Amino acid sequence: MKNVIRALLALAFLCTSDAFATISFVSAVAVDDGGSDGTTLTATLTVTAGNTIYIFSKFDNPCSAATTTFSDNAGTPNTYTQIDSSVTDAGGFTCSSHFRAAITTTQSSATITMTTSATTHSRGFSLLQFSGLAATGYLDAHPAIATADSALTLTPASFNTSSANEVVVSGGGSNTINHTWTADATHCQGGAFTLPAAAVGTNKETSAQYCILNATQTGQVATTTIDSNTASLSAGVVSFSATSGGTTRVVHRVINN
């Protein structure tokens, strides 16, 4: 009889359930060179293995002038993968790109380097770091980077998220300096995105904002806003999932001895 009861208990506990990590914002950093010419730009921050990084970058030349890559000084370097193609605005003022990295090496003082393949003008990037995202397969939606000339606001194409537990991250760039960047006030499940002060560089050429979701979204957008017209404004948006492919299944099993 006891064996029968044990077998029934084992069957009762053999189940599946959705299991999601909790997504949390960890840190931000932004740097820009305020109109100088060069090929590299660096930022320093603490990174932790298991975290995920988003970077929005720009330089003030057409994308045909150079390619952009990112690297760090870890003993085993982390891999920074570009999200979609770089985009030049219609006026040919600015090339914008965005990147992602799943951190595999913890560093208390990591140096993140933006490198362009040729000399470029006025480089800048904003970086956001999150915990709780999937180690692989975390990239969900990623519409193309949007650009506009002489604009105050810019909204890339809308998209749907694949799961409830995601973070929407959005970067912005301008070809002029000293802007006030404003977080999207209405598109984070009816509320405001968060734009950390550290995600805006000294010369205020780039910014990054985020929204941590708790429900699957249809027609999600993110609007980038600056305080004055710029010859070139660019904005990118992606969503990252806490689980690979939007869902993780965990099996609970009782071992019957």
C-alpha atoms as a PDB file:
ATOM      1  CA  MET A   1       0.000   0.000   0.000  1.00  0.00           C
ATOM      2  CA  LYS A   2       2.818   2.384   0.876  1.00  0.00           C
ATOM      3  CA  ASN A   3       4.399   1.774  -2.530  1.00  0.00           C
ATOM      4  CA  VAL A   4       1.110   2.634  -4.231  1.00  0.00           C
ATOM      5  CA  ILE A   5       0.821   5.877  -2.248  1.00  0.00           C
ATOM      6  CA  ARG A   6       4.394   6.794  -3.089  1.00  0.00           C
ATOM      7  CA  ALA A   7       3.751   6.146  -6.770  1.00  0.00           C
ATOM      8  CA  LEU A   8       0.642   8.347  -6.688  1.00  0.00           C
ATOM      9  CA  LEU A   9       2.555  11.133  -4.940  1.00  0.00           C
ATOM     10  CA  ALA A  10       5.325  10.887  -7.517  1.00  0.00           C
ATOM     11  CA  LEU A  11       2.761  11.178 -10.306  1.00  0.00           C
ATOM     12  CA  ALA A  12       1.124  14.159  -8.611  1.00  0.00           C
ATOM     13  CA  PHE A  13       4.453  15.996  -8.411  1.00  0.00           C
ATOM     14  CA  LEU A  14       5.434  15.249 -12.000  1.00  0.00           C
ATOM     15  CA  CYS A  15       4.357  18.528 -13.537  1.00  0.00           C
ATOM     16  CA  THR A  16       5.531  21.416 -15.612  1.00  0.00           C
ATOM     17  CA  SER A  17       5.371  25.097 -14.847  1.00  0.00           C
ATOM     18  CA  ASP A  18       6.609  28.348 -16.314  1.00  0.00           C
ATOM     19  CA  ALA A  19       9.686  29.559 -14.463  1.00  0.00           C
ATOM     20  CA  PHE A  20      11.040  33.000 -15.064  1.00  0.00           C
ATOM     21  CA  ALA A  21      13.985  34.844 -13.635  1.00  0.00           C
ATOM     22  CA  THR A  22      13.416  38.355 -12.315  1.00  0.00           C
ATOM     23  CA  ILE A  23      14.772  41.015 -14.664  1.00  0.00           C
ATOM     24  CA  SER A  24      16.570  43.860 -12.906  1.00  0.00           C
ATOM     25  CA  PHE A  25      18.407  46.955 -14.058  1.00  0.00           C
ATOM     26  CA  VAL A  26      22.025  46.848 -12.855  1.00  0.00           C
ATOM     27  CA  SER A  27      23.929  49.857 -14.199  1.00  0.00           C
ATOM     28  CA  ALA A  28      24.402  52.348 -17.003  1.00  0.00           C
ATOM     29  CA  VAL A  29      27.271  54.284 -18.525  1.00  0.00           C
ATOM     30  CA  ALA A  30      27.586  56.654 -21.475  1.00  0.00           C
ATOM     31  CA  VAL A  31      30.494  58.383 -23.158  1.00  0.00           C
ATOM     32  CA  ASP A  32      30.887  60.745 -26.109  1.00  0.00           C
ATOM     33  CA  ASP A  33      33.738  62.783 -27.498  1.00  0.00           C
ATOM     34  CA  GLY A  34      31.925  66.061 -28.158  1.00  0.00           C
ATOM     35  CA  GLY A  35      32.941  66.417 -31.781  1.00  0.00           C
ATOM     36  CA  SER A  36      36.487  65.024 -31.940  1.00  0.00           C
ATOM     37  CA  ASP A  37      37.904  62.792 -34.658  1.00  0.00           C
ATOM     38  CA  GLY A  38      39.286  59.346 -33.877  1.00  0.00           C
ATOM     39  CA  THR A  39      38.711  55.606 -34.002  1.00  0.00           C
ATOM     40  CA  THR A  40      38.078  54.547 -30.388  1.00  0.00           C
ATOM     41  CA  LEU A  41      36.016  55.486 -27.372  1.00  0.00           C
ATOM     42  CA  THR A  42      36.040  53.722 -23.984  1.00  0.00           C
ATOM     43  CA  ALA A  43      33.890  53.411 -20.871  1.00  0.00           C
ATOM     44  CA  THR A  44      34.592  51.638 -17.583  1.00  0.00           C
ATOM     45  CA  LEU A  45      32.101  49.791 -15.367  1.00  0.00           C
ATOM     46  CA  THR A  46      31.622  46.660 -13.290  1.00  0.00           C
ATOM     47  CA  VAL A  47      30.153  43.712 -15.186  1.00  0.00           C
ATOM     48  CA  THR A  48      28.965  40.416 -13.768  1.00  0.00           C
ATOM     49  CA  ALA A  49      28.858  37.012 -15.436  1.00  0.00           C
ATOM     50  CA  GLY A  50      25.276  36.116 -16.302  1.00  0.00           C
ATOM     51  CA  ASN A  51      24.249  39.723 -16.958  1.00  0.00           C
ATOM     52  CA  THR A  52      23.311  41.202 -20.325  1.00  0.00           C
ATOM     53  CA  ILE A  53      24.457  44.449 -21.932  1.00  0.00           C
ATOM     54  CA  TYR A  54      22.703  46.669 -24.488  1.00  0.00           C
ATOM     55  CA  ILE A  55      24.644  49.400 -26.311  1.00  0.00           C
ATOM     56  CA  PHE A  56      23.416  52.145 -28.650  1.00  0.00           C
ATOM     57  CA  SER A  57      26.204  53.863 -30.603  1.00  0.00           C
ATOM     58  CA  LYS A  58      26.676  56.571 -33.222  1.00  0.00           C
ATOM     59  CA  PHE A  59      29.280  58.538 -35.120  1.00  0.00           C
ATOM     60  CA  ASP A  60      28.774  61.602 -37.302  1.00  0.00           C
ATOM     61  CA  ASN A  61      29.606  60.251 -40.744  1.00  0.00           C
ATOM     62  CA  PRO A  62      27.647  58.043 -43.146  1.00  0.00           C
ATOM     63  CA  CYS A  63      27.880  54.324 -42.374  1.00  0.00           C
ATOM     64  CA  SER A  64      29.865  53.872 -45.592  1.00  0.00           C
ATOM     65  CA  ALA A  65      32.762  55.675 -43.851  1.00  0.00           C
ATOM     66  CA  ALA A  66      33.454  52.920 -41.293  1.00  0.00           C
ATOM     67  CA  THR A  67      32.135  49.909 -39.428  1.00  0.00           C
ATOM     68  CA  THR A  68      31.633  49.826 -35.661  1.00  0.00           C
ATOM     69  CA  THR A  69      32.637  47.047 -33.270  1.00  0.00           C
ATOM     70  CA  PHE A  70      32.785  46.659 -29.484  1.00  0.00           C
ATOM     71  CA  SER A  71      35.202  44.722 -27.292  1.00  0.00           C
ATOM     72  CA  ASP A  72      36.392  44.569 -23.685  1.00  0.00           C
ATOM     73  CA  ASN A  73      39.550  43.781 -21.743  1.00  0.00           C
ATOM     74  CA  ALA A  74      38.392  40.567 -20.048  1.00  0.00           C
ATOM     75  CA  GLY A  75      40.920  37.734 -19.997  1.00  0.00           C
ATOM     76  CA  THR A  76      38.383  35.807 -22.056  1.00  0.00           C
ATOM     77  CA  PRO A  77      36.725  38.674 -23.921  1.00  0.00           C
ATOM     78  CA  ASN A  78      32.963  38.877 -23.971  1.00  0.00           C
ATOM     79  CA  THR A  79      31.309  38.858 -27.394  1.00  0.00           C
ATOM     80  CA  TYR A  80      29.450  41.977 -28.532  1.00  0.00           C
ATOM     81  CA  THR A  81      26.983  41.156 -31.311  1.00  0.00           C
ATOM     82  CA  GLN A  82      25.482  43.797 -33.558  1.00  0.00           C
ATOM     83  CA  ILE A  83      21.681  43.862 -33.708  1.00  0.00           C
ATOM     84  CA  ASP A  84      20.634  44.347 -37.343  1.00  0.00           C
ATOM     85  CA  SER A  85      22.406  46.682 -39.772  1.00  0.00           C
ATOM     86  CA  SER A  86      23.821  50.129 -39.056  1.00  0.00           C
ATOM     87  CA  VAL A  87      21.648  52.948 -40.406  1.00  0.00           C
ATOM     88  CA  THR A  88      22.518  56.338 -41.919  1.00  0.00           C
ATOM     89  CA  ASP A  89      19.946  59.123 -41.743  1.00  0.00           C
ATOM     90  CA  ALA A  90      18.586  60.640 -44.961  1.00  0.00           C
ATOM     91  CA  GLY A  91      20.874  63.661 -44.706  1.00  0.00           C
ATOM     92  CA  GLY A  92      23.973  61.493 -44.375  1.00  0.00           C
ATOM     93  CA  PHE A  93      24.958  63.067 -41.040  1.00  0.00           C
ATOM     94  CA  THR A  94      25.072  60.128 -38.636  1.00  0.00           C
ATOM     95  CA  CYS A  95      25.609  56.355 -38.574  1.00  0.00           C
ATOM     96  CA  SER A  96      23.755  54.545 -35.763  1.00  0.00           C
ATOM     97  CA  SER A  97      24.093  50.954 -34.525  1.00  0.00           C
ATOM     98  CA  HIS A  98      23.149  48.867 -31.511  1.00  0.00           C
ATOM     99  CA  PHE A  99      24.738  45.824 -29.898  1.00  0.00           C
ATOM    100  CA  ARG A 100      24.146  43.172 -27.246  1.00  0.00           C
ATOM    101  CA  ALA A 101      26.377  40.989 -25.106  1.00  0.00           C
ATOM    102  CA  ALA A 102      25.772  38.120 -22.685  1.00  0.00           C
ATOM    103  CA  ILE A 103      28.497  38.598 -20.073  1.00  0.00           C
ATOM    104  CA  THR A 104      30.506  35.460 -19.313  1.00  0.00           C
ATOM    105  CA  THR A 105      33.412  37.055 -17.414  1.00  0.00           C
ATOM    106  CA  THR A 106      32.999  39.094 -14.217  1.00  0.00           C
ATOM    107  CA  GLN A 107      35.169  42.239 -13.973  1.00  0.00           C
ATOM    108  CA  SER A 108      35.166  44.877 -11.255  1.00  0.00           C
ATOM    109  CA  SER A 109      36.573  47.420 -13.706  1.00  0.00           C
ATOM    110  CA  ALA A 110      35.791  46.380 -17.258  1.00  0.00           C
ATOM    111  CA  THR A 111      36.871  48.631 -20.116  1.00  0.00           C
ATOM    112  CA  ILE A 112      34.345  48.581 -22.954  1.00  0.00           C
ATOM    113  CA  THR A 113      35.797  49.916 -26.208  1.00  0.00           C
ATOM    114  CA  MET A 114      33.970  51.205 -29.269  1.00  0.00           C
ATOM    115  CA  THR A 115      36.174  50.954 -32.371  1.00  0.00           C
ATOM    116  CA  THR A 116      35.488  52.296 -35.847  1.00  0.00           C
ATOM    117  CA  SER A 117      37.385  50.836 -38.795  1.00  0.00           C
ATOM    118  CA  ALA A 118      38.405  54.298 -40.010  1.00  0.00           C
ATOM    119  CA  THR A 119      38.623  57.774 -38.471  1.00  0.00           C
ATOM    120  CA  THR A 120      35.149  59.037 -37.592  1.00  0.00           C
ATOM    121  CA  HIS A 121      33.731  62.221 -36.123  1.00  0.00           C
ATOM    122  CA  SER A 122      31.897  62.674 -32.830  1.00  0.00           C
ATOM    123  CA  ARG A 123      31.535  59.112 -31.553  1.00  0.00           C
ATOM    124  CA  GLY A 124      29.282  58.205 -28.639  1.00  0.00           C
ATOM    125  CA  PHE A 125      27.535  55.302 -26.987  1.00  0.00           C
ATOM    126  CA  SER A 126      25.120  54.554 -24.140  1.00  0.00           C
ATOM    127  CA  LEU A 127      25.141  51.208 -22.314  1.00  0.00           C
ATOM    128  CA  LEU A 128      22.591  49.503 -20.066  1.00  0.00           C
ATOM    129  CA  GLN A 129      23.299  46.345 -18.023  1.00  0.00           C
ATOM    130  CA  PHE A 130      20.598  43.940 -16.783  1.00  0.00           C
ATOM    131  CA  SER A 131      20.424  40.767 -14.725  1.00  0.00           C
ATOM    132  CA  GLY A 132      17.840  38.012 -15.036  1.00  0.00           C
ATOM    133  CA  LEU A 133      17.905  37.546 -18.803  1.00  0.00           C
ATOM    134  CA  ALA A 134      18.459  34.250 -20.566  1.00  0.00           C
ATOM    135  CA  ALA A 135      22.096  33.368 -21.302  1.00  0.00           C
ATOM    136  CA  THR A 136      21.233  32.504 -24.916  1.00  0.00           C
ATOM    137  CA  GLY A 137      18.240  33.163 -27.117  1.00  0.00           C
ATOM    138  CA  TYR A 138      17.252  36.259 -25.134  1.00  0.00           C
ATOM    139  CA  LEU A 139      16.872  38.611 -28.130  1.00  0.00           C
ATOM    140  CA  ASP A 140      13.199  38.911 -29.003  1.00  0.00           C
ATOM    141  CA  ALA A 141      11.839  41.814 -31.075  1.00  0.00           C
ATOM    142  CA  HIS A 142      14.178  44.218 -32.877  1.00  0.00           C
ATOM    143  CA  PRO A 143      12.675  46.554 -35.491  1.00  0.00           C
ATOM    144  CA  ALA A 144      15.110  48.532 -37.644  1.00  0.00           C
ATOM    145  CA  ILE A 145      16.759  51.649 -36.224  1.00  0.00           C
ATOM    146  CA  ALA A 146      14.716  54.727 -37.142  1.00  0.00           C
ATOM    147  CA  THR A 147      16.133  58.090 -38.203  1.00  0.00           C
ATOM    148  CA  ALA A 148      14.754  61.573 -38.796  1.00  0.00           C
ATOM    149  CA  ASP A 149      16.239  64.923 -39.715  1.00  0.00           C
ATOM    150  CA  SER A 150      15.142  68.083 -37.862  1.00  0.00           C
ATOM    151  CA  ALA A 151      12.923  66.223 -35.384  1.00  0.00           C
ATOM    152  CA  LEU A 152      12.193  66.423 -31.660  1.00  0.00           C
ATOM    153  CA  THR A 153      10.720  62.930 -31.274  1.00  0.00           C
ATOM    154  CA  LEU A 154      11.267  59.622 -33.004  1.00  0.00           C
ATOM    155  CA  THR A 155       9.469  56.281 -32.647  1.00  0.00           C
ATOM    156  CA  PRO A 156      10.748  53.122 -34.367  1.00  0.00           C
ATOM    157  CA  ALA A 157       8.228  50.592 -35.691  1.00  0.00           C
ATOM    158  CA  SER A 158       5.913  48.883 -33.219  1.00  0.00           C
ATOM    159  CA  PHE A 159       6.365  45.213 -32.315  1.00  0.00           C
ATOM    160  CA  ASN A 160       4.903  42.371 -30.272  1.00  0.00           C
ATOM    161  CA  THR A 161       6.716  40.654 -27.428  1.00  0.00           C
ATOM    162  CA  SER A 162       6.840  36.853 -27.191  1.00  0.00           C
ATOM    163  CA  SER A 163       6.496  36.573 -23.422  1.00  0.00           C
ATOM    164  CA  ALA A 164       5.435  38.514 -20.355  1.00  0.00           C
ATOM    165  CA  ASN A 165       8.835  38.638 -18.704  1.00  0.00           C
ATOM    166  CA  GLU A 166      10.873  40.942 -20.949  1.00  0.00           C
ATOM    167  CA  VAL A 167      12.686  44.256 -20.898  1.00  0.00           C
ATOM    168  CA  VAL A 168      12.296  46.811 -23.689  1.00  0.00           C
ATOM    169  CA  VAL A 169      15.455  48.869 -24.210  1.00  0.00           C
ATOM    170  CA  SER A 170      15.728  51.896 -26.463  1.00  0.00           C
ATOM    171  CA  GLY A 171      18.722  54.025 -27.421  1.00  0.00           C
ATOM    172  CA  GLY A 172      18.898  57.433 -29.060  1.00  0.00           C
ATOM    173  CA  GLY A 173      21.566  59.483 -30.779  1.00  0.00           C
ATOM    174  CA  SER A 174      22.011  63.025 -32.091  1.00  0.00           C
ATOM    175  CA  ASN A 175      24.636  64.690 -34.255  1.00  0.00           C
ATOM    176  CA  THR A 176      24.627  67.780 -32.037  1.00  0.00           C
ATOM    177  CA  ILE A 177      25.560  68.158 -28.377  1.00  0.00           C
ATOM    178  CA  ASN A 178      24.095  69.274 -25.047  1.00  0.00           C
ATOM    179  CA  HIS A 179      20.556  67.983 -25.414  1.00  0.00           C
ATOM    180  CA  THR A 180      18.076  67.160 -22.696  1.00  0.00           C
ATOM    181  CA  TRP A 181      16.789  63.631 -23.312  1.00  0.00           C
ATOM    182  CA  THR A 182      13.339  62.754 -21.945  1.00  0.00           C
ATOM    183  CA  ALA A 183      12.067  59.264 -21.127  1.00  0.00           C
ATOM    184  CA  ASP A 184       9.009  57.957 -22.959  1.00  0.00           C
ATOM    185  CA  ALA A 185       6.179  58.864 -20.572  1.00  0.00           C
ATOM    186  CA  THR A 186       3.356  56.565 -21.699  1.00  0.00           C
ATOM    187  CA  HIS A 187       4.513  53.370 -23.425  1.00  0.00           C
ATOM    188  CA  CYS A 188       5.763  51.300 -20.459  1.00  0.00           C
ATOM    189  CA  GLN A 189       2.506  49.427 -19.851  1.00  0.00           C
ATOM    190  CA  GLY A 190       0.776  52.803 -19.633  1.00  0.00           C
ATOM    191  CA  GLY A 191       3.543  54.414 -17.609  1.00  0.00           C
ATOM    192  CA  ALA A 192       6.985  55.877 -18.153  1.00  0.00           C
ATOM    193  CA  PHE A 193      10.233  54.304 -19.272  1.00  0.00           C
ATOM    194  CA  THR A 194      13.249  54.775 -17.022  1.00  0.00           C
ATOM    195  CA  LEU A 195      16.125  56.859 -18.405  1.00  0.00           C
ATOM    196  CA  PRO A 196      19.073  56.620 -15.974  1.00  0.00           C
ATOM    197  CA  ALA A 197      21.159  59.796 -15.676  1.00  0.00           C
ATOM    198  CA  ALA A 198      24.291  57.700 -16.224  1.00  0.00           C
ATOM    199  CA  ALA A 199      22.943  56.618 -19.635  1.00  0.00           C
ATOM    200  CA  VAL A 200      23.537  60.142 -21.002  1.00  0.00           C
ATOM    201  CA  GLY A 201      27.115  61.155 -21.800  1.00  0.00           C
ATOM    202  CA  THR A 202      28.916  64.334 -20.773  1.00  0.00           C
ATOM    203  CA  ASN A 203      28.140  66.005 -24.099  1.00  0.00           C
ATOM    204  CA  LYS A 204      24.652  64.453 -24.231  1.00  0.00           C
ATOM    205  CA  GLU A 205      24.992  62.943 -27.707  1.00  0.00           C
ATOM    206  CA  THR A 206      23.354  59.602 -26.832  1.00  0.00           C
ATOM    207  CA  SER A 207      20.881  58.206 -24.335  1.00  0.00           C
ATOM    208  CA  ALA A 208      19.233  54.900 -23.385  1.00  0.00           C
ATOM    209  CA  GLN A 209      15.986  54.062 -21.579  1.00  0.00           C
ATOM    210  CA  TYR A 210      14.249  50.867 -20.522  1.00  0.00           C
ATOM    211  CA  CYS A 211      10.929  49.349 -19.452  1.00  0.00           C
ATOM    212  CA  ILE A 212      10.655  46.039 -17.553  1.00  0.00           C
ATOM    213  CA  LEU A 213       7.421  44.295 -18.543  1.00  0.00           C
ATOM    214  CA  ASN A 214       5.167  41.927 -16.629  1.00  0.00           C
ATOM    215  CA  ALA A 215       2.714  41.154 -19.433  1.00  0.00           C
ATOM    216  CA  THR A 216       2.986  40.210 -23.105  1.00  0.00           C
ATOM    217  CA  GLN A 217       2.677  43.310 -25.283  1.00  0.00           C
ATOM    218  CA  THR A 218       1.043  43.899 -28.681  1.00  0.00           C
ATOM    219  CA  GLY A 219       2.007  47.021 -30.605  1.00  0.00           C
ATOM    220  CA  GLN A 220       4.794  47.954 -28.185  1.00  0.00           C
ATOM    221  CA  VAL A 221       6.679  51.154 -29.027  1.00  0.00           C
ATOM    222  CA  ALA A 222       9.311  53.408 -27.474  1.00  0.00           C
ATOM    223  CA  THR A 223       9.644  57.106 -28.260  1.00  0.00           C
ATOM    224  CA  THR A 224      12.927  59.019 -28.077  1.00  0.00           C
ATOM    225  CA  THR A 225      12.588  62.740 -27.275  1.00  0.00           C
ATOM    226  CA  ILE A 226      15.090  65.596 -27.192  1.00  0.00           C
ATOM    227  CA  ASP A 227      14.631  69.259 -26.306  1.00  0.00           C
ATOM    228  CA  SER A 228      15.602  70.921 -29.596  1.00  0.00           C
ATOM    229  CA  ASN A 229      15.713  70.137 -33.287  1.00  0.00           C
ATOM    230  CA  THR A 230      18.770  68.275 -34.490  1.00  0.00           C
ATOM    231  CA  ALA A 231      20.011  67.728 -38.028  1.00  0.00           C
ATOM    232  CA  SER A 232      19.967  64.005 -37.314  1.00  0.00           C
ATOM    233  CA  LEU A 233      18.068  62.054 -34.654  1.00  0.00           C
ATOM    234  CA  SER A 234      18.219  58.249 -34.458  1.00  0.00           C
ATOM    235  CA  ALA A 235      16.534  55.683 -32.234  1.00  0.00           C
ATOM    236  CA  GLY A 236      16.695  51.933 -31.816  1.00  0.00           C
ATOM    237  CA  VAL A 237      14.547  49.589 -29.740  1.00  0.00           C
ATOM    238  CA  VAL A 238      14.764  45.893 -28.856  1.00  0.00           C
ATOM    239  CA  SER A 239      13.198  43.546 -26.345  1.00  0.00           C
ATOM    240  CA  PHE A 240      15.154  40.977 -24.350  1.00  0.00           C
ATOM    241  CA  SER A 241      13.524  37.953 -22.721  1.00  0.00           C
ATOM    242  CA  ALA A 242      14.224  36.344 -19.356  1.00  0.00           C
ATOM    243  CA  THR A 243      13.906  32.976 -21.071  1.00  0.00           C
ATOM    244  CA  SER A 244      15.303  31.528 -24.274  1.00  0.00           C
ATOM    245  CA  GLY A 245      12.711  31.754 -27.014  1.00  0.00           C
ATOM    246  CA  GLY A 246      10.231  33.361 -24.611  1.00  0.00           C
ATOM    247  CA  THR A 247       9.453  30.299 -22.469  1.00  0.00           C
ATOM    248  CA  THR A 248      11.186  27.898 -20.139  1.00  0.00           C
ATOM    249  CA  ARG A 249       9.676  24.713 -18.786  1.00  0.00           C
ATOM    250  CA  VAL A 250      10.848  23.238 -15.499  1.00  0.00           C
ATOM    251  CA  VAL A 251       9.996  19.659 -14.518  1.00  0.00           C
ATOM    252  CA  HIS A 252       9.445  18.911 -10.824  1.00  0.00           C
ATOM    253  CA  ARG A 253      10.018  15.223 -10.073  1.00  0.00           C
ATOM    254  CA  VAL A 254       9.849  13.118  -6.915  1.00  0.00           C
ATOM    255  CA  ILE A 255      12.406  10.315  -6.762  1.00  0.00           C
ATOM    256  CA  ASN A 256      10.851   7.204  -5.255  1.00  0.00           C
ATOM    257  CA  ASN A 257      13.398   5.118  -3.389  1.00  0.00           C
END
